């Protein structure tokens, strides 16, 4: 795992067309903005796991 340090308003880039920007910090919460092409799905981990679990149920005979 790559670990990076960013300050408020700073960004990191993934590939040529995805950026993640630190928008706000309050206590132990950080608000981030993700800028990515429409064909790239962006989900919180817990939502992604729910989507995958639902797909797995549909695929099970």
PDB file of N, CA and C in Angstrom:
ATOM      1  N   UNK A   1       0.843  -1.178   0.000  1.00  0.00           N
ATOM      2  CA  UNK A   1       0.000   0.000   0.000  1.00  0.00           C
ATOM      3  C   UNK A   1       0.885   1.238   0.000  1.00  0.00           C
ATOM      4  N   UNK A   2       0.581   2.136  -0.907  1.00  0.00           N
ATOM      5  CA  UNK A   2       1.265   3.418  -0.966  1.00  0.00           C
ATOM      6  C   UNK A   2       0.571   4.367   0.007  1.00  0.00           C
ATOM      7  N   UNK A   3       1.334   5.024   0.857  1.00  0.00           N
ATOM      8  CA  UNK A   3       0.778   5.969   1.824  1.00  0.00           C
ATOM      9  C   UNK A   3       1.284   7.361   1.469  1.00  0.00           C
ATOM     10  N   UNK A   4       0.358   8.282   1.295  1.00  0.00           N
ATOM     11  CA  UNK A   4       0.690   9.651   0.912  1.00  0.00           C
ATOM     12  C   UNK A   4       0.132  10.621   1.935  1.00  0.00           C
ATOM     13  N   UNK A   5       0.787  11.742   2.101  1.00  0.00           N
ATOM     14  CA  UNK A   5       0.309  12.808   2.977  1.00  0.00           C
ATOM     15  C   UNK A   5      -0.130  13.976   2.094  1.00  0.00           C
ATOM     16  N   UNK A   6      -1.322  14.488   2.339  1.00  0.00           N
ATOM     17  CA  UNK A   6      -1.854  15.618   1.585  1.00  0.00           C
ATOM     18  C   UNK A   6      -2.409  16.635   2.561  1.00  0.00           C
ATOM     19  N   UNK A   7      -2.354  17.890   2.184  1.00  0.00           N
ATOM     20  CA  UNK A   7      -2.942  18.966   2.972  1.00  0.00           C
ATOM     21  C   UNK A   7      -4.275  19.363   2.345  1.00  0.00           C
ATOM     22  N   UNK A   8      -5.062  20.109   3.084  1.00  0.00           N
ATOM     23  CA  UNK A   8      -6.350  20.600   2.608  1.00  0.00           C
ATOM     24  C   UNK A   8      -6.163  21.301   1.264  1.00  0.00           C
ATOM     25  N   UNK A   9      -6.966  20.926   0.296  1.00  0.00           N
ATOM     26  CA  UNK A   9      -6.901  21.533  -1.033  1.00  0.00           C
ATOM     27  C   UNK A   9      -5.931  20.850  -1.983  1.00  0.00           C
ATOM     28  N   UNK A  10      -5.087  19.964  -1.470  1.00  0.00           N
ATOM     29  CA  UNK A  10      -4.131  19.266  -2.332  1.00  0.00           C
ATOM     30  C   UNK A  10      -4.769  18.016  -2.928  1.00  0.00           C
ATOM     31  N   UNK A  11      -4.188  17.560  -4.025  1.00  0.00           N
ATOM     32  CA  UNK A  11      -4.736  16.410  -4.748  1.00  0.00           C
ATOM     33  C   UNK A  11      -3.674  15.352  -4.961  1.00  0.00           C
ATOM     34  N   UNK A  12      -4.153  14.178  -5.349  1.00  0.00           N
ATOM     35  CA  UNK A  12      -3.267  13.139  -5.851  1.00  0.00           C
ATOM     36  C   UNK A  12      -3.873  12.631  -7.141  1.00  0.00           C
ATOM     37  N   UNK A  13      -3.044  12.124  -8.019  1.00  0.00           N
ATOM     38  CA  UNK A  13      -3.487  11.669  -9.323  1.00  0.00           C
ATOM     39  C   UNK A  13      -3.320  10.169  -9.443  1.00  0.00           C
ATOM     40  N   UNK A  14      -4.278   9.533 -10.093  1.00  0.00           N
ATOM     41  CA  UNK A  14      -4.209   8.110 -10.401  1.00  0.00           C
ATOM     42  C   UNK A  14      -4.301   8.009 -11.915  1.00  0.00           C
ATOM     43  N   UNK A  15      -3.230   7.554 -12.516  1.00  0.00           N
ATOM     44  CA  UNK A  15      -3.188   7.526 -13.978  1.00  0.00           C
ATOM     45  C   UNK A  15      -3.260   8.935 -14.533  1.00  0.00           C
ATOM     46  N   UNK A  16      -3.777   9.051 -15.745  1.00  0.00           N
ATOM     47  CA  UNK A  16      -3.851  10.350 -16.415  1.00  0.00           C
ATOM     48  C   UNK A  16      -5.158  11.086 -16.188  1.00  0.00           C
ATOM     49  N   UNK A  17      -6.196  10.373 -15.712  1.00  0.00           N
ATOM     50  CA  UNK A  17      -7.497  11.016 -15.718  1.00  0.00           C
ATOM     51  C   UNK A  17      -8.326  10.866 -14.442  1.00  0.00           C
ATOM     52  N   UNK A  18      -7.681  10.503 -13.338  1.00  0.00           N
ATOM     53  CA  UNK A  18      -8.392  10.420 -12.063  1.00  0.00           C
ATOM     54  C   UNK A  18      -7.642  11.267 -11.038  1.00  0.00           C
ATOM     55  N   UNK A  19      -8.371  12.159 -10.372  1.00  0.00           N
ATOM     56  CA  UNK A  19      -7.753  12.950  -9.303  1.00  0.00           C
ATOM     57  C   UNK A  19      -8.613  12.860  -8.050  1.00  0.00           C
ATOM     58  N   UNK A  20      -7.951  12.873  -6.916  1.00  0.00           N
ATOM     59  CA  UNK A  20      -8.607  12.858  -5.612  1.00  0.00           C
ATOM     60  C   UNK A  20      -8.106  14.075  -4.847  1.00  0.00           C
ATOM     61  N   UNK A  21      -9.053  14.902  -4.389  1.00  0.00           N
ATOM     62  CA  UNK A  21      -8.704  16.158  -3.725  1.00  0.00           C
ATOM     63  C   UNK A  21      -9.250  16.156  -2.301  1.00  0.00           C
ATOM     64  N   UNK A  22      -8.435  16.623  -1.355  1.00  0.00           N
ATOM     65  CA  UNK A  22      -8.864  16.781   0.037  1.00  0.00           C
ATOM     66  C   UNK A  22      -9.660  18.076   0.120  1.00  0.00           C
ATOM     67  N   UNK A  23     -10.961  17.967   0.415  1.00  0.00           N
ATOM     68  CA  UNK A  23     -11.840  19.136   0.426  1.00  0.00           C
ATOM     69  C   UNK A  23     -12.055  19.726   1.809  1.00  0.00           C
ATOM     70  N   UNK A  24     -12.113  18.862   2.833  1.00  0.00           N
ATOM     71  CA  UNK A  24     -12.411  19.342   4.174  1.00  0.00           C
ATOM     72  C   UNK A  24     -11.912  18.328   5.189  1.00  0.00           C
ATOM     73  N   UNK A  25     -11.498  18.803   6.338  1.00  0.00           N
ATOM     74  CA  UNK A  25     -11.076  17.926   7.431  1.00  0.00           C
ATOM     75  C   UNK A  25     -11.730  18.436   8.706  1.00  0.00           C
ATOM     76  N   UNK A  26     -12.390  17.509   9.422  1.00  0.00           N
ATOM     77  CA  UNK A  26     -13.013  17.878  10.693  1.00  0.00           C
ATOM     78  C   UNK A  26     -12.887  16.687  11.636  1.00  0.00           C
ATOM     79  N   UNK A  27     -12.143  16.847  12.700  1.00  0.00           N
ATOM     80  CA  UNK A  27     -11.935  15.748  13.637  1.00  0.00           C
ATOM     81  C   UNK A  27     -11.292  14.568  12.932  1.00  0.00           C
ATOM     82  N   UNK A  28     -11.950  13.407  13.009  1.00  0.00           N
ATOM     83  CA  UNK A  28     -11.386  12.214  12.376  1.00  0.00           C
ATOM     84  C   UNK A  28     -12.037  11.920  11.024  1.00  0.00           C
ATOM     85  N   UNK A  29     -12.735  12.916  10.450  1.00  0.00           N
ATOM     86  CA  UNK A  29     -13.361  12.738   9.141  1.00  0.00           C
ATOM     87  C   UNK A  29     -12.692  13.631   8.107  1.00  0.00           C
ATOM     88  N   UNK A  30     -12.567  13.080   6.911  1.00  0.00           N
ATOM     89  CA  UNK A  30     -11.997  13.814   5.793  1.00  0.00           C
ATOM     90  C   UNK A  30     -12.988  13.755   4.648  1.00  0.00           C
ATOM     91  N   UNK A  31     -13.274  14.891   4.045  1.00  0.00           N
ATOM     92  CA  UNK A  31     -14.139  14.919   2.869  1.00  0.00           C
ATOM     93  C   UNK A  31     -13.226  14.991   1.649  1.00  0.00           C
ATOM     94  N   UNK A  32     -13.436  14.054   0.715  1.00  0.00           N
ATOM     95  CA  UNK A  32     -12.621  14.032  -0.487  1.00  0.00           C
ATOM     96  C   UNK A  32     -13.507  14.200  -1.717  1.00  0.00           C
ATOM     97  N   UNK A  33     -12.929  14.721  -2.759  1.00  0.00           N
ATOM     98  CA  UNK A  33     -13.597  14.823  -4.047  1.00  0.00           C
ATOM     99  C   UNK A  33     -12.862  13.930  -5.031  1.00  0.00           C
ATOM    100  N   UNK A  34     -13.620  13.187  -5.815  1.00  0.00           N
ATOM    101  CA  UNK A  34     -13.037  12.290  -6.812  1.00  0.00           C
ATOM    102  C   UNK A  34     -13.482  12.767  -8.176  1.00  0.00           C
ATOM    103  N   UNK A  35     -12.515  13.013  -9.034  1.00  0.00           N
ATOM    104  CA  UNK A  35     -12.790  13.425 -10.396  1.00  0.00           C
ATOM    105  C   UNK A  35     -12.308  12.301 -11.304  1.00  0.00           C
ATOM    106  N   UNK A  36     -13.252  11.629 -11.981  1.00  0.00           N
ATOM    107  CA  UNK A  36     -12.912  10.482 -12.818  1.00  0.00           C
ATOM    108  C   UNK A  36     -13.843  10.451 -14.027  1.00  0.00           C
ATOM    109  N   UNK A  37     -13.419   9.778 -15.088  1.00  0.00           N
ATOM    110  CA  UNK A  37     -14.310   9.638 -16.252  1.00  0.00           C
ATOM    111  C   UNK A  37     -15.580   8.892 -15.871  1.00  0.00           C
ATOM    112  N   UNK A  38     -16.659   9.130 -16.613  1.00  0.00           N
ATOM    113  CA  UNK A  38     -17.948   8.497 -16.309  1.00  0.00           C
ATOM    114  C   UNK A  38     -17.882   6.982 -16.357  1.00  0.00           C
ATOM    115  N   UNK A  39     -17.003   6.428 -17.176  1.00  0.00           N
ATOM    116  CA  UNK A  39     -16.926   4.968 -17.292  1.00  0.00           C
ATOM    117  C   UNK A  39     -16.198   4.309 -16.118  1.00  0.00           C
ATOM    118  N   UNK A  40     -15.646   5.104 -15.209  1.00  0.00           N
ATOM    119  CA  UNK A  40     -14.971   4.578 -14.023  1.00  0.00           C
ATOM    120  C   UNK A  40     -15.939   4.647 -12.842  1.00  0.00           C
ATOM    121  N   UNK A  41     -16.268   3.500 -12.275  1.00  0.00           N
ATOM    122  CA  UNK A  41     -17.154   3.465 -11.110  1.00  0.00           C
ATOM    123  C   UNK A  41     -16.377   3.885  -9.860  1.00  0.00           C
ATOM    124  N   UNK A  42     -16.993   4.730  -9.054  1.00  0.00           N
ATOM    125  CA  UNK A  42     -16.389   5.167  -7.796  1.00  0.00           C
ATOM    126  C   UNK A  42     -17.409   4.930  -6.696  1.00  0.00           C
ATOM    127  N   UNK A  43     -17.048   4.100  -5.709  1.00  0.00           N
ATOM    128  CA  UNK A  43     -17.950   3.771  -4.611  1.00  0.00           C
ATOM    129  C   UNK A  43     -17.181   3.769  -3.294  1.00  0.00           C
ATOM    130  N   UNK A  44     -17.889   4.038  -2.204  1.00  0.00           N
ATOM    131  CA  UNK A  44     -17.315   3.769  -0.883  1.00  0.00           C
ATOM    132  C   UNK A  44     -17.191   2.259  -0.763  1.00  0.00           C
ATOM    133  N   UNK A  45     -16.235   1.810   0.029  1.00  0.00           N
ATOM    134  CA  UNK A  45     -15.970   0.373   0.136  1.00  0.00           C
ATOM    135  C   UNK A  45     -17.209  -0.416   0.562  1.00  0.00           C
ATOM    136  N   UNK A  46     -17.945   0.075   1.555  1.00  0.00           N
ATOM    137  CA  UNK A  46     -19.093  -0.679   2.047  1.00  0.00           C
ATOM    138  C   UNK A  46     -20.200  -0.789   0.990  1.00  0.00           C
ATOM    139  N   UNK A  47     -20.350   0.217   0.159  1.00  0.00           N
ATOM    140  CA  UNK A  47     -21.334   0.167  -0.926  1.00  0.00           C
ATOM    141  C   UNK A  47     -20.870  -0.820  -1.999  1.00  0.00           C
ATOM    142  N   UNK A  48     -19.600  -0.782  -2.333  1.00  0.00           N
ATOM    143  CA  UNK A  48     -19.047  -1.700  -3.330  1.00  0.00           C
ATOM    144  C   UNK A  48     -19.248  -3.149  -2.890  1.00  0.00           C
ATOM    145  N   UNK A  49     -19.002  -3.432  -1.620  1.00  0.00           N
ATOM    146  CA  UNK A  49     -19.188  -4.799  -1.110  1.00  0.00           C
ATOM    147  C   UNK A  49     -20.651  -5.235  -1.221  1.00  0.00           C
ATOM    148  N   UNK A  50     -21.585  -4.314  -0.945  1.00  0.00           N
ATOM    149  CA  UNK A  50     -23.003  -4.632  -1.086  1.00  0.00           C
ATOM    150  C   UNK A  50     -23.379  -4.933  -2.540  1.00  0.00           C
ATOM    151  N   UNK A  51     -22.852  -4.131  -3.440  1.00  0.00           N
ATOM    152  CA  UNK A  51     -23.110  -4.348  -4.866  1.00  0.00           C
ATOM    153  C   UNK A  51     -22.589  -5.715  -5.286  1.00  0.00           C
ATOM    154  N   UNK A  52     -21.360  -6.042  -4.892  1.00  0.00           N
ATOM    155  CA  UNK A  52     -20.758  -7.326  -5.245  1.00  0.00           C
ATOM    156  C   UNK A  52     -21.542  -8.485  -4.640  1.00  0.00           C
ATOM    157  N   UNK A  53     -21.961  -8.356  -3.398  1.00  0.00           N
ATOM    158  CA  UNK A  53     -22.719  -9.420  -2.744  1.00  0.00           C
ATOM    159  C   UNK A  53     -24.041  -9.645  -3.472  1.00  0.00           C
ATOM    160  N   UNK A  54     -24.679  -8.567  -3.893  1.00  0.00           N
ATOM    161  CA  UNK A  54     -25.936  -8.671  -4.627  1.00  0.00           C
ATOM    162  C   UNK A  54     -25.721  -9.351  -5.974  1.00  0.00           C
ATOM    163  N   UNK A  55     -24.638  -9.009  -6.648  1.00  0.00           N
ATOM    164  CA  UNK A  55     -24.321  -9.648  -7.930  1.00  0.00           C
ATOM    165  C   UNK A  55     -24.016 -11.129  -7.743  1.00  0.00           C
ATOM    166  N   UNK A  56     -23.304 -11.465  -6.679  1.00  0.00           N
ATOM    167  CA  UNK A  56     -22.975 -12.864  -6.406  1.00  0.00           C
ATOM    168  C   UNK A  56     -24.236 -13.683  -6.161  1.00  0.00           C
ATOM    169  N   UNK A  57     -25.224 -13.097  -5.454  1.00  0.00           N
ATOM    170  CA  UNK A  57     -26.484 -13.794  -5.197  1.00  0.00           C
ATOM    171  C   UNK A  57     -27.226 -14.068  -6.500  1.00  0.00           C
ATOM    172  N   UNK A  58     -27.186 -13.105  -7.421  1.00  0.00           N
ATOM    173  CA  UNK A  58     -27.855 -13.269  -8.715  1.00  0.00           C
ATOM    174  C   UNK A  58     -27.177 -14.349  -9.553  1.00  0.00           C
ATOM    175  N   UNK A  59     -25.859 -14.479  -9.413  1.00  0.00           N
ATOM    176  CA  UNK A  59     -25.096 -15.451 -10.196  1.00  0.00           C
ATOM    177  C   UNK A  59     -25.173 -16.864  -9.635  1.00  0.00           C
ATOM    178  N   UNK A  60     -25.621 -16.993  -8.391  1.00  0.00           N
ATOM    179  CA  UNK A  60     -25.717 -18.314  -7.759  1.00  0.00           C
ATOM    180  C   UNK A  60     -27.015 -18.990  -8.203  1.00  0.00           C
ATOM    181  N   UNK A  61     -26.912 -20.240  -8.750  1.00  0.00           N
ATOM    182  CA  UNK A  61     -28.127 -20.927  -9.214  1.00  0.00           C
ATOM    183  C   UNK A  61     -29.045 -21.354  -8.091  1.00  0.00           C
TER     184      UNK A  61
END
